[in-house]
């Protein structure tokens, strides 16, 4: 019987939206993939959020290119951008998701620059 992480990857590969157990397994793995910044409260951010990962079945949601460790405050702001996006775009296209990711990436870069942190 496949474990939670394998079930999560299977769901993505088959274009099935992730449930809370799938997301938990992926979040747990992602936290172990990126080193923590000492003395800094931070979270791992999925550049393509897990709620949209099923729209990209050939992409591993925990690929290092899809992960970035962010200070908690910036991560919370990023989550609000994605929540607003989801309210307006109930079934977003690939292009809409990628455009939102580009917008959020620019926001992240600007916020990290203000803190003088590496992007």
C-alpha atoms as a PDB file:
ATOM      1  CA  UNK A   1       0.000   0.000   0.000  1.00  0.00           C
ATOM      2  CA  UNK A   2       1.480   3.376  -0.994  1.00  0.00           C
ATOM      3  CA  UNK A   3       2.404   5.854   1.724  1.00  0.00           C
ATOM      4  CA  UNK A   4       0.979   9.392   2.019  1.00  0.00           C
ATOM      5  CA  UNK A   5       3.729  11.014  -0.030  1.00  0.00           C
ATOM      6  CA  UNK A   6       3.409   8.487  -2.846  1.00  0.00           C
ATOM      7  CA  UNK A   7      -0.394   8.953  -2.849  1.00  0.00           C
ATOM      8  CA  UNK A   8       0.112  12.722  -3.099  1.00  0.00           C
ATOM      9  CA  UNK A   9       2.443  12.377  -6.095  1.00  0.00           C
ATOM     10  CA  UNK A  10       0.031   9.910  -7.719  1.00  0.00           C
ATOM     11  CA  UNK A  11      -2.821  12.399  -7.322  1.00  0.00           C
ATOM     12  CA  UNK A  12      -0.770  15.139  -9.014  1.00  0.00           C
ATOM     13  CA  UNK A  13       0.302  12.827 -11.860  1.00  0.00           C
ATOM     14  CA  UNK A  14      -3.343  11.922 -12.482  1.00  0.00           C
ATOM     15  CA  UNK A  15      -4.603  15.519 -12.311  1.00  0.00           C
ATOM     16  CA  UNK A  16      -6.557  14.924  -9.095  1.00  0.00           C
ATOM     17  CA  UNK A  17      -6.817  17.837  -6.635  1.00  0.00           C
ATOM     18  CA  UNK A  18      -4.885  17.181  -3.442  1.00  0.00           C
ATOM     19  CA  UNK A  19      -6.723  16.492  -0.199  1.00  0.00           C
ATOM     20  CA  UNK A  20      -5.508  17.742   3.186  1.00  0.00           C
ATOM     21  CA  UNK A  21      -3.552  14.514   3.821  1.00  0.00           C
ATOM     22  CA  UNK A  22      -1.768  14.815   0.446  1.00  0.00           C
ATOM     23  CA  UNK A  23      -0.909  18.460   1.147  1.00  0.00           C
ATOM     24  CA  UNK A  24       0.366  17.622   4.632  1.00  0.00           C
ATOM     25  CA  UNK A  25       2.681  14.926   3.239  1.00  0.00           C
ATOM     26  CA  UNK A  26       4.071  17.313   0.620  1.00  0.00           C
ATOM     27  CA  UNK A  27       4.500  20.162   3.114  1.00  0.00           C
ATOM     28  CA  UNK A  28       6.329  17.868   5.524  1.00  0.00           C
ATOM     29  CA  UNK A  29       8.679  16.745   2.772  1.00  0.00           C
ATOM     30  CA  UNK A  30       9.255  20.301   1.493  1.00  0.00           C
ATOM     31  CA  UNK A  31      10.225  21.536   4.955  1.00  0.00           C
ATOM     32  CA  UNK A  32      12.996  18.941   4.979  1.00  0.00           C
ATOM     33  CA  UNK A  33      14.222  19.806   1.485  1.00  0.00           C
ATOM     34  CA  UNK A  34      15.196  23.412   2.186  1.00  0.00           C
ATOM     35  CA  UNK A  35      17.568  24.286   4.990  1.00  0.00           C
ATOM     36  CA  UNK A  36      16.154  26.512   7.702  1.00  0.00           C
ATOM     37  CA  UNK A  37      17.632  29.969   8.136  1.00  0.00           C
ATOM     38  CA  UNK A  38      19.099  30.153  11.648  1.00  0.00           C
ATOM     39  CA  UNK A  39      17.379  32.591  14.016  1.00  0.00           C
ATOM     40  CA  UNK A  40      14.742  33.380  11.388  1.00  0.00           C
ATOM     41  CA  UNK A  41      11.118  32.310  11.573  1.00  0.00           C
ATOM     42  CA  UNK A  42      10.359  31.010   8.109  1.00  0.00           C
ATOM     43  CA  UNK A  43       8.056  28.815   6.038  1.00  0.00           C
ATOM     44  CA  UNK A  44       8.545  26.916   2.812  1.00  0.00           C
ATOM     45  CA  UNK A  45       6.468  28.421   0.002  1.00  0.00           C
ATOM     46  CA  UNK A  46       5.343  26.446  -3.054  1.00  0.00           C
ATOM     47  CA  UNK A  47       5.611  28.834  -6.015  1.00  0.00           C
ATOM     48  CA  UNK A  48       2.807  26.859  -7.692  1.00  0.00           C
ATOM     49  CA  UNK A  49       0.603  26.337  -4.620  1.00  0.00           C
ATOM     50  CA  UNK A  50      -0.445  22.818  -3.759  1.00  0.00           C
ATOM     51  CA  UNK A  51      -4.109  23.566  -4.515  1.00  0.00           C
ATOM     52  CA  UNK A  52      -3.115  24.053  -8.180  1.00  0.00           C
ATOM     53  CA  UNK A  53      -0.485  21.318  -8.470  1.00  0.00           C
ATOM     54  CA  UNK A  54      -2.957  18.898 -10.078  1.00  0.00           C
ATOM     55  CA  UNK A  55      -3.117  21.317 -13.042  1.00  0.00           C
ATOM     56  CA  UNK A  56       0.576  20.548 -13.693  1.00  0.00           C
ATOM     57  CA  UNK A  57       0.679  16.724 -13.668  1.00  0.00           C
ATOM     58  CA  UNK A  58       4.232  16.521 -15.051  1.00  0.00           C
ATOM     59  CA  UNK A  59       5.656  18.728 -12.286  1.00  0.00           C
ATOM     60  CA  UNK A  60       6.768  17.506  -8.875  1.00  0.00           C
ATOM     61  CA  UNK A  61       5.238  20.024  -6.414  1.00  0.00           C
ATOM     62  CA  UNK A  62       8.338  19.658  -4.230  1.00  0.00           C
ATOM     63  CA  UNK A  63      10.838  20.210  -7.015  1.00  0.00           C
ATOM     64  CA  UNK A  64      13.424  22.647  -5.639  1.00  0.00           C
ATOM     65  CA  UNK A  65      12.551  25.092  -8.445  1.00  0.00           C
ATOM     66  CA  UNK A  66       9.038  25.295  -6.982  1.00  0.00           C
ATOM     67  CA  UNK A  67      10.153  25.900  -3.389  1.00  0.00           C
ATOM     68  CA  UNK A  68      11.441  28.965  -1.595  1.00  0.00           C
ATOM     69  CA  UNK A  69      11.924  29.549   2.132  1.00  0.00           C
ATOM     70  CA  UNK A  70      10.333  32.853   3.188  1.00  0.00           C
ATOM     71  CA  UNK A  71      10.069  34.851   6.385  1.00  0.00           C
ATOM     72  CA  UNK A  72       6.672  34.145   7.961  1.00  0.00           C
ATOM     73  CA  UNK A  73       5.276  37.643   7.335  1.00  0.00           C
ATOM     74  CA  UNK A  74       6.123  37.564   3.633  1.00  0.00           C
ATOM     75  CA  UNK A  75       4.708  34.056   3.327  1.00  0.00           C
ATOM     76  CA  UNK A  76       1.447  35.187   4.920  1.00  0.00           C
ATOM     77  CA  UNK A  77       1.200  38.089   2.448  1.00  0.00           C
ATOM     78  CA  UNK A  78       1.899  35.733  -0.461  1.00  0.00           C
ATOM     79  CA  UNK A  79      -0.824  33.377   0.752  1.00  0.00           C
ATOM     80  CA  UNK A  80      -3.295  36.285   0.782  1.00  0.00           C
ATOM     81  CA  UNK A  81      -2.420  37.057  -2.873  1.00  0.00           C
ATOM     82  CA  UNK A  82      -3.079  33.441  -3.819  1.00  0.00           C
ATOM     83  CA  UNK A  83      -6.316  33.337  -1.803  1.00  0.00           C
ATOM     84  CA  UNK A  84      -7.584  36.450  -3.620  1.00  0.00           C
ATOM     85  CA  UNK A  85      -6.561  34.892  -6.935  1.00  0.00           C
ATOM     86  CA  UNK A  86      -8.570  31.765  -6.105  1.00  0.00           C
ATOM     87  CA  UNK A  87     -11.671  33.789  -5.258  1.00  0.00           C
ATOM     88  CA  UNK A  88     -11.605  35.475  -8.665  1.00  0.00           C
ATOM     89  CA  UNK A  89     -10.437  32.429 -10.648  1.00  0.00           C
ATOM     90  CA  UNK A  90     -12.455  29.387  -9.580  1.00  0.00           C
ATOM     91  CA  UNK A  91     -10.935  27.147 -12.289  1.00  0.00           C
ATOM     92  CA  UNK A  92      -7.829  28.995 -13.455  1.00  0.00           C
ATOM     93  CA  UNK A  93      -6.006  28.121 -16.640  1.00  0.00           C
ATOM     94  CA  UNK A  94      -2.316  27.212 -16.736  1.00  0.00           C
ATOM     95  CA  UNK A  95      -1.570  30.673 -18.099  1.00  0.00           C
ATOM     96  CA  UNK A  96      -3.484  32.405 -15.299  1.00  0.00           C
ATOM     97  CA  UNK A  97      -1.662  30.348 -12.667  1.00  0.00           C
ATOM     98  CA  UNK A  98       1.744  31.012 -14.250  1.00  0.00           C
ATOM     99  CA  UNK A  99       0.985  34.730 -14.552  1.00  0.00           C
ATOM    100  CA  UNK A 100       0.005  34.838 -10.881  1.00  0.00           C
ATOM    101  CA  UNK A 101       3.192  32.990  -9.975  1.00  0.00           C
ATOM    102  CA  UNK A 102       5.226  35.601 -11.884  1.00  0.00           C
ATOM    103  CA  UNK A 103       3.406  38.408 -10.074  1.00  0.00           C
ATOM    104  CA  UNK A 104       3.995  36.768  -6.689  1.00  0.00           C
ATOM    105  CA  UNK A 105       7.657  36.078  -7.528  1.00  0.00           C
ATOM    106  CA  UNK A 106       8.139  39.795  -8.239  1.00  0.00           C
ATOM    107  CA  UNK A 107       6.456  40.667  -4.938  1.00  0.00           C
ATOM    108  CA  UNK A 108       8.712  38.223  -3.083  1.00  0.00           C
ATOM    109  CA  UNK A 109      11.849  39.626  -4.709  1.00  0.00           C
ATOM    110  CA  UNK A 110      10.855  43.191  -3.763  1.00  0.00           C
ATOM    111  CA  UNK A 111      10.070  42.190  -0.164  1.00  0.00           C
ATOM    112  CA  UNK A 112      13.325  40.262   0.265  1.00  0.00           C
ATOM    113  CA  UNK A 113      15.239  43.205  -1.180  1.00  0.00           C
ATOM    114  CA  UNK A 114      13.688  45.461   1.481  1.00  0.00           C
ATOM    115  CA  UNK A 115      14.947  43.039   4.142  1.00  0.00           C
ATOM    116  CA  UNK A 116      18.311  42.727   2.400  1.00  0.00           C
ATOM    117  CA  UNK A 117      17.833  38.954   2.136  1.00  0.00           C
ATOM    118  CA  UNK A 118      18.897  36.820  -0.836  1.00  0.00           C
ATOM    119  CA  UNK A 119      16.155  35.999  -3.333  1.00  0.00           C
END
